[in-house]
């Protein structure tokens, strides 16, 4: 399942639940609140890919049961870029 493709307004807090499957959350064109966005991902036998704009400040913690959580951030955070936790 794909969530949030194209231009859209991200809520300050979001929850994604995956059971026996996965999802993609694309924040690359999202309008992110000034204080950033907090995403809670719960994955049982699945996982999520969260795509962020280049330079975003990303902090990832979590637990996946028979699935995976990965953070692939290519560059250091840039001042003024969105914050995703």
N, C-alpha and C. Protein backbone atom coordinates (compact mmCIF):
# COMPACT_ATOMS: atom_id res chain seq x y z
N UNK A 1 0.85 -1.17 0.00
CA UNK A 1 0.00 0.00 0.00
C UNK A 1 0.89 1.23 0.00
N UNK A 2 0.56 2.19 -0.79
CA UNK A 2 1.30 3.45 -0.84
C UNK A 2 0.47 4.55 -0.21
N UNK A 3 1.10 5.34 0.64
CA UNK A 3 0.42 6.42 1.32
C UNK A 3 1.14 7.73 1.04
N UNK A 4 0.39 8.79 0.83
CA UNK A 4 0.96 10.12 0.74
C UNK A 4 1.83 10.40 -0.46
N UNK A 5 1.42 10.02 -1.63
CA UNK A 5 2.20 10.35 -2.83
C UNK A 5 1.81 11.73 -3.33
N UNK A 6 2.79 12.49 -3.84
CA UNK A 6 2.50 13.83 -4.34
C UNK A 6 2.42 14.85 -3.22
N UNK A 7 1.83 16.01 -3.50
CA UNK A 7 1.74 17.10 -2.52
C UNK A 7 0.57 16.86 -1.58
N UNK A 8 0.85 16.87 -0.27
CA UNK A 8 -0.18 16.68 0.75
C UNK A 8 0.30 17.26 2.07
N UNK A 9 -0.60 17.53 3.00
CA UNK A 9 -0.27 18.12 4.30
C UNK A 9 -0.14 17.00 5.33
N UNK A 10 1.06 16.85 5.89
CA UNK A 10 1.31 15.82 6.89
C UNK A 10 0.82 16.28 8.27
N UNK A 11 0.21 15.38 9.00
CA UNK A 11 -0.22 15.66 10.38
C UNK A 11 1.01 15.65 11.28
N UNK A 12 0.96 16.33 12.42
CA UNK A 12 2.11 16.33 13.33
C UNK A 12 2.43 14.93 13.88
N UNK A 13 1.42 14.08 14.02
CA UNK A 13 1.60 12.71 14.49
C UNK A 13 0.84 11.76 13.57
N UNK A 14 1.51 10.69 13.14
CA UNK A 14 0.87 9.69 12.29
C UNK A 14 1.21 8.31 12.81
N UNK A 15 0.30 7.36 12.58
CA UNK A 15 0.51 5.97 12.96
C UNK A 15 0.27 5.09 11.74
N UNK A 16 1.21 4.16 11.50
CA UNK A 16 1.09 3.20 10.41
C UNK A 16 1.18 1.81 11.04
N UNK A 17 0.19 0.95 10.77
CA UNK A 17 0.17 -0.41 11.30
C UNK A 17 0.21 -1.39 10.13
N UNK A 18 1.17 -2.31 10.16
CA UNK A 18 1.32 -3.34 9.13
C UNK A 18 1.20 -4.71 9.78
N UNK A 19 0.29 -5.53 9.28
CA UNK A 19 0.15 -6.91 9.74
C UNK A 19 0.15 -7.78 8.49
N UNK A 20 1.14 -8.64 8.36
CA UNK A 20 1.29 -9.51 7.19
C UNK A 20 1.34 -8.70 5.89
N UNK A 21 2.07 -7.62 5.89
CA UNK A 21 2.20 -6.80 4.69
C UNK A 21 3.05 -5.59 4.98
N UNK A 22 3.05 -4.65 4.07
CA UNK A 22 3.87 -3.47 4.24
C UNK A 22 3.24 -2.25 3.64
N UNK A 23 3.90 -1.11 3.83
CA UNK A 23 3.41 0.14 3.27
C UNK A 23 4.57 1.07 2.97
N UNK A 24 4.32 2.01 2.07
CA UNK A 24 5.28 3.06 1.73
C UNK A 24 4.65 4.39 2.10
N UNK A 25 5.39 5.22 2.82
CA UNK A 25 4.93 6.56 3.18
C UNK A 25 5.93 7.55 2.58
N UNK A 26 5.47 8.36 1.64
CA UNK A 26 6.33 9.27 0.89
C UNK A 26 6.13 10.70 1.39
N UNK A 27 7.14 11.25 2.09
CA UNK A 27 7.08 12.61 2.61
C UNK A 27 7.83 13.60 1.73
N UNK A 28 8.33 13.15 0.58
CA UNK A 28 9.18 14.00 -0.26
C UNK A 28 8.49 15.28 -0.71
N UNK A 29 7.20 15.25 -0.96
CA UNK A 29 6.48 16.44 -1.40
C UNK A 29 5.46 16.92 -0.36
N UNK A 30 5.51 16.32 0.83
CA UNK A 30 4.55 16.68 1.88
C UNK A 30 4.87 18.05 2.48
N UNK A 31 3.83 18.75 2.91
CA UNK A 31 3.98 19.98 3.68
C UNK A 31 4.03 19.53 5.13
N UNK A 32 5.22 19.65 5.74
CA UNK A 32 5.46 19.15 7.09
C UNK A 32 5.31 20.30 8.09
N UNK A 33 4.64 20.07 9.24
CA UNK A 33 4.50 21.13 10.25
C UNK A 33 5.87 21.66 10.68
N UNK A 34 5.90 22.92 11.12
CA UNK A 34 7.14 23.58 11.52
C UNK A 34 7.89 22.79 12.59
N UNK A 35 7.16 22.19 13.53
CA UNK A 35 7.78 21.42 14.61
C UNK A 35 8.16 20.01 14.18
N UNK A 36 7.91 19.66 12.94
CA UNK A 36 8.25 18.34 12.43
C UNK A 36 7.08 17.37 12.53
N UNK A 37 7.36 16.11 12.24
CA UNK A 37 6.33 15.08 12.24
C UNK A 37 6.88 13.87 13.00
N UNK A 38 6.02 13.23 13.78
CA UNK A 38 6.37 11.99 14.48
C UNK A 38 5.53 10.88 13.89
N UNK A 39 6.19 9.83 13.43
CA UNK A 39 5.50 8.70 12.80
C UNK A 39 5.75 7.46 13.66
N UNK A 40 4.68 6.82 14.09
CA UNK A 40 4.77 5.57 14.82
C UNK A 40 4.44 4.45 13.86
N UNK A 41 5.38 3.51 13.68
CA UNK A 41 5.17 2.38 12.77
C UNK A 41 5.19 1.10 13.58
N UNK A 42 4.12 0.33 13.47
CA UNK A 42 4.00 -0.97 14.13
C UNK A 42 3.93 -2.02 13.04
N UNK A 43 4.91 -2.93 13.03
CA UNK A 43 4.98 -3.93 11.97
C UNK A 43 5.07 -5.33 12.55
N UNK A 44 4.10 -6.17 12.19
CA UNK A 44 4.12 -7.58 12.55
C UNK A 44 4.12 -8.37 11.24
N UNK A 45 5.18 -9.08 10.98
CA UNK A 45 5.33 -9.84 9.73
C UNK A 45 5.25 -8.91 8.52
N UNK A 46 5.87 -7.75 8.61
CA UNK A 46 5.87 -6.81 7.50
C UNK A 46 6.79 -5.65 7.79
N UNK A 47 6.65 -4.58 7.07
CA UNK A 47 7.49 -3.42 7.29
C UNK A 47 7.02 -2.22 6.50
N UNK A 48 7.66 -1.09 6.75
CA UNK A 48 7.32 0.15 6.06
C UNK A 48 8.58 0.80 5.53
N UNK A 49 8.44 1.48 4.41
CA UNK A 49 9.48 2.35 3.89
C UNK A 49 8.95 3.77 4.00
N UNK A 50 9.69 4.63 4.72
CA UNK A 50 9.32 6.03 4.85
C UNK A 50 10.34 6.82 4.04
N UNK A 51 9.87 7.46 2.99
CA UNK A 51 10.73 8.26 2.11
C UNK A 51 10.69 9.71 2.56
N UNK A 52 11.86 10.31 2.72
CA UNK A 52 11.94 11.70 3.19
C UNK A 52 12.73 12.53 2.19
N UNK A 53 12.51 13.85 2.20
CA UNK A 53 13.28 14.69 1.29
C UNK A 53 14.76 14.69 1.68
N UNK A 54 15.63 14.88 0.69
CA UNK A 54 17.06 14.93 0.97
C UNK A 54 17.36 16.06 1.95
N UNK A 55 18.20 15.77 2.94
CA UNK A 55 18.57 16.76 3.94
C UNK A 55 17.67 16.78 5.15
N UNK A 56 16.61 15.96 5.18
CA UNK A 56 15.70 15.92 6.32
C UNK A 56 16.43 15.43 7.56
N UNK A 57 16.03 15.93 8.72
CA UNK A 57 16.59 15.51 10.00
C UNK A 57 15.77 14.32 10.48
N UNK A 58 16.33 13.11 10.44
CA UNK A 58 15.60 11.88 10.72
C UNK A 58 16.17 11.20 11.95
N UNK A 59 15.29 10.83 12.89
CA UNK A 59 15.65 10.02 14.04
C UNK A 59 14.75 8.80 14.01
N UNK A 60 15.33 7.61 14.03
CA UNK A 60 14.52 6.40 13.94
C UNK A 60 14.82 5.47 15.10
N UNK A 61 13.77 5.04 15.77
CA UNK A 61 13.84 3.99 16.76
C UNK A 61 12.64 3.10 16.52
N UNK A 62 12.64 1.90 17.02
CA UNK A 62 11.45 1.08 16.84
C UNK A 62 11.70 -0.39 17.04
N UNK A 63 10.64 -1.13 16.84
CA UNK A 63 10.67 -2.57 16.99
C UNK A 63 9.83 -3.18 15.88
N UNK A 64 10.38 -4.19 15.25
CA UNK A 64 9.64 -4.92 14.23
C UNK A 64 9.70 -6.40 14.59
N UNK A 65 8.57 -7.08 14.52
CA UNK A 65 8.50 -8.50 14.82
C UNK A 65 8.35 -9.25 13.50
N UNK A 66 9.36 -10.05 13.14
CA UNK A 66 9.40 -10.77 11.87
C UNK A 66 9.19 -9.82 10.69
N UNK A 67 9.85 -8.69 10.76
CA UNK A 67 9.80 -7.69 9.69
C UNK A 67 11.03 -6.82 9.80
N UNK A 68 10.99 -5.62 9.31
CA UNK A 68 12.16 -4.76 9.39
C UNK A 68 11.86 -3.30 9.35
N UNK A 69 12.74 -2.54 9.99
CA UNK A 69 12.70 -1.08 9.95
C UNK A 69 14.08 -0.63 9.49
N UNK A 70 14.15 0.16 8.45
CA UNK A 70 15.42 0.63 7.93
C UNK A 70 15.37 2.13 7.73
N UNK A 71 16.50 2.78 8.04
CA UNK A 71 16.66 4.20 7.75
C UNK A 71 17.85 4.35 6.83
N UNK A 72 17.61 4.79 5.63
CA UNK A 72 18.68 5.04 4.65
C UNK A 72 18.69 6.52 4.35
N UNK A 73 19.47 7.26 5.12
CA UNK A 73 19.57 8.71 4.95
C UNK A 73 20.89 8.98 4.25
N UNK A 74 20.84 9.64 3.11
CA UNK A 74 22.02 9.81 2.26
C UNK A 74 22.89 11.00 2.62
N UNK A 75 22.33 12.01 3.26
CA UNK A 75 23.11 13.22 3.52
C UNK A 75 22.84 13.71 4.94
N UNK A 76 23.74 14.53 5.44
CA UNK A 76 23.56 15.14 6.76
C UNK A 76 22.37 16.10 6.72
N UNK A 77 21.70 16.28 7.87
CA UNK A 77 20.56 17.21 7.90
C UNK A 77 20.97 18.62 7.48
N UNK A 78 20.05 19.28 6.81
CA UNK A 78 20.25 20.65 6.34
C UNK A 78 19.40 21.58 7.19
N UNK A 79 19.94 22.72 7.57
CA UNK A 79 19.17 23.68 8.36
C UNK A 79 17.88 24.05 7.64
N UNK A 80 16.78 24.02 8.37
CA UNK A 80 15.48 24.37 7.82
C UNK A 80 14.76 23.23 7.15
N UNK A 81 15.40 22.06 7.04
CA UNK A 81 14.75 20.88 6.43
C UNK A 81 13.77 20.28 7.42
N UNK A 82 12.79 19.50 6.94
CA UNK A 82 11.81 18.88 7.84
C UNK A 82 12.47 17.95 8.85
N UNK A 83 11.85 17.84 10.04
CA UNK A 83 12.30 16.92 11.08
C UNK A 83 11.32 15.76 11.15
N UNK A 84 11.82 14.56 11.05
CA UNK A 84 10.99 13.34 11.09
C UNK A 84 11.53 12.45 12.19
N UNK A 85 10.67 12.11 13.16
CA UNK A 85 11.06 11.19 14.23
C UNK A 85 10.13 10.03 14.29
